N, C-alpha and C. Protein backbone atom coordinates (compact mmCIF):
# COMPACT_ATOMS: atom_id res chain seq x y z
N UNK A 1 -77.02 -11.68 -76.87
CA UNK A 1 -77.08 -11.26 -75.48
C UNK A 1 -75.66 -10.94 -75.00
N UNK A 2 -75.50 -9.77 -74.43
CA UNK A 2 -74.19 -9.32 -73.96
C UNK A 2 -74.05 -9.62 -72.47
N UNK A 3 -72.96 -10.26 -72.11
CA UNK A 3 -72.68 -10.56 -70.71
C UNK A 3 -71.66 -9.56 -70.21
N UNK A 4 -71.99 -8.90 -69.12
CA UNK A 4 -71.09 -7.92 -68.54
C UNK A 4 -70.37 -8.56 -67.37
N UNK A 5 -69.07 -8.55 -67.42
CA UNK A 5 -68.29 -9.06 -66.30
C UNK A 5 -67.46 -7.92 -65.74
N UNK A 6 -67.42 -7.85 -64.45
CA UNK A 6 -66.62 -6.81 -63.82
C UNK A 6 -65.27 -7.38 -63.45
N UNK A 7 -64.24 -6.68 -63.84
CA UNK A 7 -62.88 -7.09 -63.53
C UNK A 7 -62.60 -6.74 -62.07
N UNK A 8 -62.03 -7.69 -61.35
CA UNK A 8 -61.64 -7.43 -59.97
C UNK A 8 -60.39 -6.56 -59.97
N UNK A 9 -60.45 -5.45 -59.23
CA UNK A 9 -59.31 -4.53 -59.17
C UNK A 9 -58.25 -5.04 -58.21
N UNK A 10 -57.00 -4.79 -58.57
CA UNK A 10 -55.94 -5.04 -57.60
C UNK A 10 -56.00 -3.92 -56.57
N UNK A 11 -55.30 -4.10 -55.47
CA UNK A 11 -55.28 -3.06 -54.43
C UNK A 11 -54.73 -1.75 -55.00
N UNK A 12 -53.69 -1.85 -55.83
CA UNK A 12 -53.10 -0.64 -56.42
C UNK A 12 -54.07 0.05 -57.37
N UNK A 13 -54.81 -0.71 -58.16
CA UNK A 13 -55.82 -0.12 -59.06
C UNK A 13 -56.94 0.54 -58.25
N UNK A 14 -57.30 -0.11 -57.15
CA UNK A 14 -58.32 0.44 -56.26
C UNK A 14 -57.85 1.77 -55.68
N UNK A 15 -56.62 1.80 -55.17
CA UNK A 15 -56.07 3.04 -54.62
C UNK A 15 -56.00 4.12 -55.70
N UNK A 16 -55.63 3.76 -56.90
CA UNK A 16 -55.54 4.72 -58.00
C UNK A 16 -56.90 5.35 -58.27
N UNK A 17 -57.96 4.53 -58.21
CA UNK A 17 -59.32 5.04 -58.39
C UNK A 17 -59.65 6.06 -57.32
N UNK A 18 -59.28 5.75 -56.08
CA UNK A 18 -59.55 6.66 -54.96
C UNK A 18 -58.75 7.96 -55.12
N UNK A 19 -57.46 7.83 -55.40
CA UNK A 19 -56.58 9.00 -55.43
C UNK A 19 -56.79 9.89 -56.65
N UNK A 20 -57.38 9.38 -57.71
CA UNK A 20 -57.57 10.20 -58.91
C UNK A 20 -59.00 10.73 -59.04
N UNK A 21 -59.84 10.48 -58.05
CA UNK A 21 -61.21 10.99 -58.08
C UNK A 21 -61.19 12.51 -58.15
N UNK A 22 -61.94 13.05 -59.09
CA UNK A 22 -61.98 14.49 -59.29
C UNK A 22 -63.29 15.06 -58.76
N UNK A 23 -63.21 15.97 -57.86
CA UNK A 23 -64.38 16.68 -57.37
C UNK A 23 -65.21 15.88 -56.37
N UNK A 24 -66.02 16.61 -55.64
CA UNK A 24 -66.84 16.01 -54.59
C UNK A 24 -67.90 15.06 -55.14
N UNK A 25 -68.45 15.36 -56.29
CA UNK A 25 -69.49 14.50 -56.85
C UNK A 25 -68.94 13.11 -57.17
N UNK A 26 -67.77 13.04 -57.78
CA UNK A 26 -67.17 11.75 -58.09
C UNK A 26 -66.79 11.00 -56.81
N UNK A 27 -66.25 11.72 -55.83
CA UNK A 27 -65.91 11.09 -54.56
C UNK A 27 -67.17 10.56 -53.87
N UNK A 28 -68.24 11.35 -53.90
CA UNK A 28 -69.51 10.93 -53.29
C UNK A 28 -70.03 9.66 -53.98
N UNK A 29 -69.92 9.59 -55.31
CA UNK A 29 -70.38 8.41 -56.04
C UNK A 29 -69.55 7.18 -55.69
N UNK A 30 -68.25 7.35 -55.57
CA UNK A 30 -67.38 6.25 -55.16
C UNK A 30 -67.75 5.79 -53.75
N UNK A 31 -67.97 6.75 -52.85
CA UNK A 31 -68.35 6.40 -51.48
C UNK A 31 -69.69 5.68 -51.43
N UNK A 32 -70.62 6.07 -52.28
CA UNK A 32 -71.92 5.38 -52.33
C UNK A 32 -71.72 3.92 -52.72
N UNK A 33 -70.87 3.68 -53.72
CA UNK A 33 -70.59 2.30 -54.14
C UNK A 33 -69.90 1.51 -53.03
N UNK A 34 -68.89 2.13 -52.40
CA UNK A 34 -68.20 1.46 -51.31
C UNK A 34 -69.14 1.18 -50.14
N UNK A 35 -70.05 2.12 -49.89
CA UNK A 35 -71.01 1.97 -48.79
C UNK A 35 -71.97 0.81 -49.03
N UNK A 36 -72.38 0.63 -50.28
CA UNK A 36 -73.26 -0.48 -50.62
C UNK A 36 -72.59 -1.81 -50.28
N UNK A 37 -71.33 -1.93 -50.68
CA UNK A 37 -70.56 -3.14 -50.38
C UNK A 37 -70.37 -3.29 -48.87
N UNK A 38 -70.05 -2.19 -48.20
CA UNK A 38 -69.83 -2.23 -46.75
C UNK A 38 -71.09 -2.66 -46.01
N UNK A 39 -72.24 -2.18 -46.45
CA UNK A 39 -73.51 -2.57 -45.80
C UNK A 39 -73.75 -4.07 -45.95
N UNK A 40 -73.46 -4.60 -47.14
CA UNK A 40 -73.59 -6.05 -47.36
C UNK A 40 -72.65 -6.82 -46.45
N UNK A 41 -71.43 -6.33 -46.33
CA UNK A 41 -70.45 -6.99 -45.46
C UNK A 41 -70.94 -6.98 -44.01
N UNK A 42 -71.53 -5.88 -43.57
CA UNK A 42 -72.05 -5.78 -42.21
C UNK A 42 -73.22 -6.74 -41.99
N UNK A 43 -74.07 -6.90 -43.02
CA UNK A 43 -75.20 -7.82 -42.90
C UNK A 43 -74.72 -9.26 -42.81
N UNK A 44 -73.74 -9.61 -43.64
CA UNK A 44 -73.24 -10.99 -43.68
C UNK A 44 -72.36 -11.32 -42.47
N UNK A 45 -71.62 -10.32 -42.00
CA UNK A 45 -70.71 -10.52 -40.88
C UNK A 45 -70.72 -9.29 -39.99
N UNK A 46 -71.59 -9.26 -38.99
CA UNK A 46 -71.68 -8.09 -38.10
C UNK A 46 -70.36 -7.74 -37.42
N UNK A 47 -69.43 -8.71 -37.33
CA UNK A 47 -68.14 -8.45 -36.70
C UNK A 47 -67.16 -7.75 -37.64
N UNK A 48 -67.58 -7.47 -38.89
CA UNK A 48 -66.67 -6.83 -39.85
C UNK A 48 -66.45 -5.34 -39.55
N UNK A 49 -67.25 -4.78 -38.65
CA UNK A 49 -67.07 -3.38 -38.27
C UNK A 49 -68.26 -2.85 -37.51
N UNK A 50 -68.09 -1.64 -36.98
CA UNK A 50 -69.17 -1.01 -36.22
C UNK A 50 -70.13 -0.23 -37.11
N UNK A 51 -69.63 0.25 -38.25
CA UNK A 51 -70.44 1.06 -39.15
C UNK A 51 -69.81 1.03 -40.55
N UNK A 52 -70.42 1.70 -41.48
CA UNK A 52 -69.96 1.71 -42.87
C UNK A 52 -68.53 2.26 -42.97
N UNK A 53 -68.26 3.38 -42.31
CA UNK A 53 -66.91 3.96 -42.36
C UNK A 53 -65.86 3.00 -41.82
N UNK A 54 -66.20 2.31 -40.76
CA UNK A 54 -65.28 1.35 -40.15
C UNK A 54 -64.93 0.24 -41.16
N UNK A 55 -65.91 -0.26 -41.87
CA UNK A 55 -65.67 -1.30 -42.87
C UNK A 55 -64.84 -0.74 -44.03
N UNK A 56 -65.16 0.46 -44.49
CA UNK A 56 -64.40 1.06 -45.60
C UNK A 56 -62.93 1.21 -45.20
N UNK A 57 -62.69 1.73 -44.00
CA UNK A 57 -61.30 1.93 -43.55
C UNK A 57 -60.57 0.61 -43.33
N UNK A 58 -61.16 -0.28 -42.56
CA UNK A 58 -60.45 -1.47 -42.12
C UNK A 58 -60.46 -2.64 -43.10
N UNK A 59 -61.48 -2.73 -43.94
CA UNK A 59 -61.58 -3.85 -44.87
C UNK A 59 -61.23 -3.47 -46.31
N UNK A 60 -61.35 -2.18 -46.65
CA UNK A 60 -61.10 -1.77 -48.03
C UNK A 60 -59.82 -0.95 -48.18
N UNK A 61 -59.62 0.04 -47.33
CA UNK A 61 -58.45 0.91 -47.45
C UNK A 61 -57.20 0.32 -46.81
N UNK A 62 -57.36 -0.35 -45.68
CA UNK A 62 -56.22 -0.81 -44.90
C UNK A 62 -55.42 -1.88 -45.66
N UNK A 63 -54.10 -1.79 -45.55
CA UNK A 63 -53.20 -2.77 -46.17
C UNK A 63 -51.91 -2.78 -45.36
N UNK A 64 -50.93 -3.54 -45.82
CA UNK A 64 -49.62 -3.54 -45.14
C UNK A 64 -49.00 -2.15 -45.20
N UNK A 65 -49.23 -1.44 -46.30
CA UNK A 65 -48.66 -0.11 -46.50
C UNK A 65 -49.46 0.97 -45.78
N UNK A 66 -50.76 0.88 -45.85
CA UNK A 66 -51.66 1.88 -45.25
C UNK A 66 -52.39 1.23 -44.08
N UNK A 67 -51.92 1.45 -42.85
CA UNK A 67 -52.58 0.79 -41.73
C UNK A 67 -53.03 1.71 -40.60
N UNK A 68 -52.74 2.99 -40.71
CA UNK A 68 -53.24 3.96 -39.74
C UNK A 68 -53.70 5.19 -40.51
N UNK A 69 -54.88 5.70 -40.17
CA UNK A 69 -55.45 6.83 -40.90
C UNK A 69 -55.76 7.96 -39.94
N UNK A 70 -55.57 9.19 -40.45
CA UNK A 70 -55.85 10.37 -39.65
C UNK A 70 -56.07 11.54 -40.59
N UNK A 71 -56.67 12.60 -40.05
CA UNK A 71 -56.86 13.82 -40.83
C UNK A 71 -55.54 14.57 -40.94
N UNK A 72 -55.49 15.55 -41.81
CA UNK A 72 -54.31 16.40 -41.95
C UNK A 72 -53.96 16.99 -40.58
N UNK A 73 -54.98 17.55 -39.92
CA UNK A 73 -54.78 18.16 -38.61
C UNK A 73 -54.36 17.13 -37.57
N UNK A 74 -54.97 15.94 -37.63
CA UNK A 74 -54.64 14.89 -36.68
C UNK A 74 -53.19 14.45 -36.77
N UNK A 75 -52.68 14.31 -38.01
CA UNK A 75 -51.26 13.96 -38.17
C UNK A 75 -50.36 15.07 -37.65
N UNK A 76 -50.75 16.31 -37.90
CA UNK A 76 -49.95 17.45 -37.44
C UNK A 76 -49.86 17.45 -35.91
N UNK A 77 -50.98 17.18 -35.26
CA UNK A 77 -51.01 17.12 -33.79
C UNK A 77 -50.13 16.00 -33.25
N UNK A 78 -49.94 14.94 -34.04
CA UNK A 78 -49.10 13.81 -33.64
C UNK A 78 -47.63 14.03 -33.99
N UNK A 79 -47.31 15.17 -34.60
CA UNK A 79 -45.93 15.47 -34.94
C UNK A 79 -45.50 15.01 -36.33
N UNK A 80 -46.46 14.88 -37.24
CA UNK A 80 -46.17 14.47 -38.61
C UNK A 80 -46.72 15.48 -39.59
N UNK A 81 -46.18 15.47 -40.80
CA UNK A 81 -46.74 16.30 -41.87
C UNK A 81 -47.03 15.41 -43.06
N UNK A 82 -48.08 15.78 -43.80
CA UNK A 82 -48.43 15.04 -45.01
C UNK A 82 -47.41 15.43 -46.08
N UNK A 83 -46.84 14.43 -46.72
CA UNK A 83 -45.83 14.67 -47.75
C UNK A 83 -46.47 15.36 -48.97
N UNK A 84 -45.72 16.22 -49.60
CA UNK A 84 -46.19 16.97 -50.76
C UNK A 84 -46.67 16.01 -51.85
N UNK A 85 -47.82 16.35 -52.44
CA UNK A 85 -48.35 15.59 -53.56
C UNK A 85 -49.22 14.40 -53.18
N UNK A 86 -49.37 14.12 -51.90
CA UNK A 86 -50.18 12.98 -51.47
C UNK A 86 -51.66 13.27 -51.65
N UNK A 87 -52.41 12.28 -52.06
CA UNK A 87 -53.86 12.39 -52.25
C UNK A 87 -54.56 11.69 -51.10
N UNK A 88 -55.68 12.23 -50.67
CA UNK A 88 -56.37 11.72 -49.49
C UNK A 88 -57.29 10.54 -49.80
N UNK A 89 -57.43 9.67 -48.81
CA UNK A 89 -58.50 8.69 -48.78
C UNK A 89 -59.73 9.47 -48.31
N UNK A 90 -60.92 8.95 -48.53
CA UNK A 90 -62.09 9.68 -48.06
C UNK A 90 -63.15 8.72 -47.53
N UNK A 91 -63.85 9.20 -46.50
CA UNK A 91 -64.96 8.49 -45.87
C UNK A 91 -66.07 9.50 -45.62
N UNK A 92 -67.20 9.01 -45.13
CA UNK A 92 -68.30 9.92 -44.78
C UNK A 92 -67.96 10.67 -43.50
N UNK A 93 -68.28 11.96 -43.47
CA UNK A 93 -68.08 12.75 -42.26
C UNK A 93 -69.31 12.61 -41.37
N UNK A 94 -69.26 13.24 -40.22
CA UNK A 94 -70.43 13.26 -39.35
C UNK A 94 -71.55 14.01 -40.07
N UNK A 95 -72.81 13.63 -39.83
CA UNK A 95 -73.91 14.34 -40.50
C UNK A 95 -73.99 15.79 -40.03
N UNK A 96 -74.34 16.63 -40.96
CA UNK A 96 -74.51 18.05 -40.61
C UNK A 96 -75.86 18.51 -41.12
N UNK A 97 -76.41 19.50 -40.44
CA UNK A 97 -77.71 20.03 -40.83
C UNK A 97 -77.54 20.97 -42.01
N UNK A 98 -78.40 20.80 -43.00
CA UNK A 98 -78.36 21.63 -44.19
C UNK A 98 -79.76 22.20 -44.40
N UNK A 99 -79.82 23.48 -44.70
CA UNK A 99 -81.10 24.11 -44.95
C UNK A 99 -81.52 23.87 -46.39
N UNK A 100 -82.80 23.55 -46.57
CA UNK A 100 -83.31 23.30 -47.92
C UNK A 100 -83.38 24.59 -48.71
N UNK A 101 -83.24 24.44 -50.02
CA UNK A 101 -83.40 25.59 -50.91
C UNK A 101 -84.87 25.96 -50.96
N UNK A 102 -85.17 27.19 -51.39
CA UNK A 102 -86.54 27.69 -51.40
C UNK A 102 -87.53 26.76 -52.09
N UNK A 103 -87.17 26.21 -53.27
CA UNK A 103 -88.11 25.36 -53.99
C UNK A 103 -88.37 24.03 -53.29
N UNK A 104 -87.47 23.61 -52.40
CA UNK A 104 -87.64 22.36 -51.67
C UNK A 104 -88.42 22.56 -50.37
N UNK A 105 -88.58 23.77 -49.92
CA UNK A 105 -89.21 24.03 -48.62
C UNK A 105 -90.70 23.70 -48.62
N UNK A 106 -91.30 23.54 -49.80
CA UNK A 106 -92.73 23.24 -49.87
C UNK A 106 -93.07 21.90 -49.24
N UNK A 107 -92.10 21.01 -49.11
CA UNK A 107 -92.34 19.68 -48.54
C UNK A 107 -92.59 19.75 -47.04
N UNK A 108 -92.36 20.89 -46.42
CA UNK A 108 -92.65 21.05 -45.00
C UNK A 108 -91.42 21.17 -44.11
N UNK A 109 -90.37 20.47 -44.42
CA UNK A 109 -89.16 20.54 -43.61
C UNK A 109 -88.23 21.60 -44.18
N UNK A 110 -87.63 22.39 -43.29
CA UNK A 110 -86.71 23.44 -43.74
C UNK A 110 -85.26 22.99 -43.75
N UNK A 111 -84.95 21.92 -43.00
CA UNK A 111 -83.58 21.45 -42.98
C UNK A 111 -83.54 19.93 -42.88
N UNK A 112 -82.41 19.36 -43.24
CA UNK A 112 -82.23 17.92 -43.20
C UNK A 112 -80.76 17.63 -42.90
N UNK A 113 -80.45 16.38 -42.63
CA UNK A 113 -79.07 16.00 -42.34
C UNK A 113 -78.41 15.48 -43.61
N UNK A 114 -77.15 15.83 -43.78
CA UNK A 114 -76.40 15.40 -44.94
C UNK A 114 -75.01 14.95 -44.48
N UNK A 115 -74.52 13.86 -45.06
CA UNK A 115 -73.17 13.41 -44.76
C UNK A 115 -72.21 14.06 -45.74
N UNK A 116 -71.22 14.74 -45.20
CA UNK A 116 -70.18 15.31 -46.04
C UNK A 116 -69.08 14.28 -46.25
N UNK A 117 -67.96 14.73 -46.76
CA UNK A 117 -66.83 13.84 -47.00
C UNK A 117 -65.65 14.29 -46.15
N UNK A 118 -65.08 13.34 -45.41
CA UNK A 118 -63.89 13.61 -44.60
C UNK A 118 -62.68 13.04 -45.34
N UNK A 119 -61.59 13.78 -45.33
CA UNK A 119 -60.36 13.36 -46.02
C UNK A 119 -59.34 12.88 -45.00
N UNK A 120 -58.77 11.71 -45.28
CA UNK A 120 -57.81 11.09 -44.38
C UNK A 120 -56.53 10.73 -45.13
N UNK A 121 -55.43 10.72 -44.39
CA UNK A 121 -54.15 10.31 -44.94
C UNK A 121 -53.65 9.13 -44.12
N UNK A 122 -52.89 8.25 -44.76
CA UNK A 122 -52.38 7.07 -44.05
C UNK A 122 -50.96 7.31 -43.54
N UNK A 123 -50.51 6.38 -42.73
CA UNK A 123 -49.16 6.45 -42.16
C UNK A 123 -48.08 6.48 -43.24
N UNK A 124 -48.34 5.92 -44.42
CA UNK A 124 -47.31 5.91 -45.46
C UNK A 124 -47.30 7.21 -46.28
N UNK A 125 -48.19 8.13 -45.95
CA UNK A 125 -48.27 9.40 -46.66
C UNK A 125 -47.74 10.56 -45.83
N UNK A 126 -47.17 10.25 -44.67
CA UNK A 126 -46.70 11.32 -43.78
C UNK A 126 -45.23 11.08 -43.40
N UNK A 127 -44.62 12.15 -42.92
CA UNK A 127 -43.23 12.06 -42.43
C UNK A 127 -43.15 12.89 -41.14
N UNK A 128 -42.19 12.56 -40.33
CA UNK A 128 -42.03 13.22 -39.04
C UNK A 128 -41.64 14.69 -39.23
N UNK A 129 -42.19 15.54 -38.39
CA UNK A 129 -41.81 16.96 -38.41
C UNK A 129 -40.43 17.18 -37.81
N UNK A 130 -39.90 16.19 -37.10
CA UNK A 130 -38.61 16.31 -36.41
C UNK A 130 -37.46 15.86 -37.31
N UNK A 131 -37.58 16.10 -38.59
CA UNK A 131 -36.51 15.68 -39.53
C UNK A 131 -35.40 16.69 -39.61
């Protein structure tokens, strides 16, 4: 009988997993795993956040180094630029309506809601534009 044990990742190994994710499918799969954990955290401690994204940002991504998150555009509006070569953190975006493909339309509904992926950068990944 084989026993599978999962190694606990350090924060740096966790960040490396996030930053090296290739393509939307891999990012979506990582977010699904993080969301499962976040949902459990919300069930056990409702004060851990308002929603899954809140838990992912504040309990998983946040650290002494990364403590404020914003979009590329959001940082630019605040007078900062994302430093060259930085990789984004990602969370679920607001749901958007998506039209079903022809073969799926037989089920009766022509459109459904889908969560996309939003990309965020932390305070340690930006520098002031006033340099």
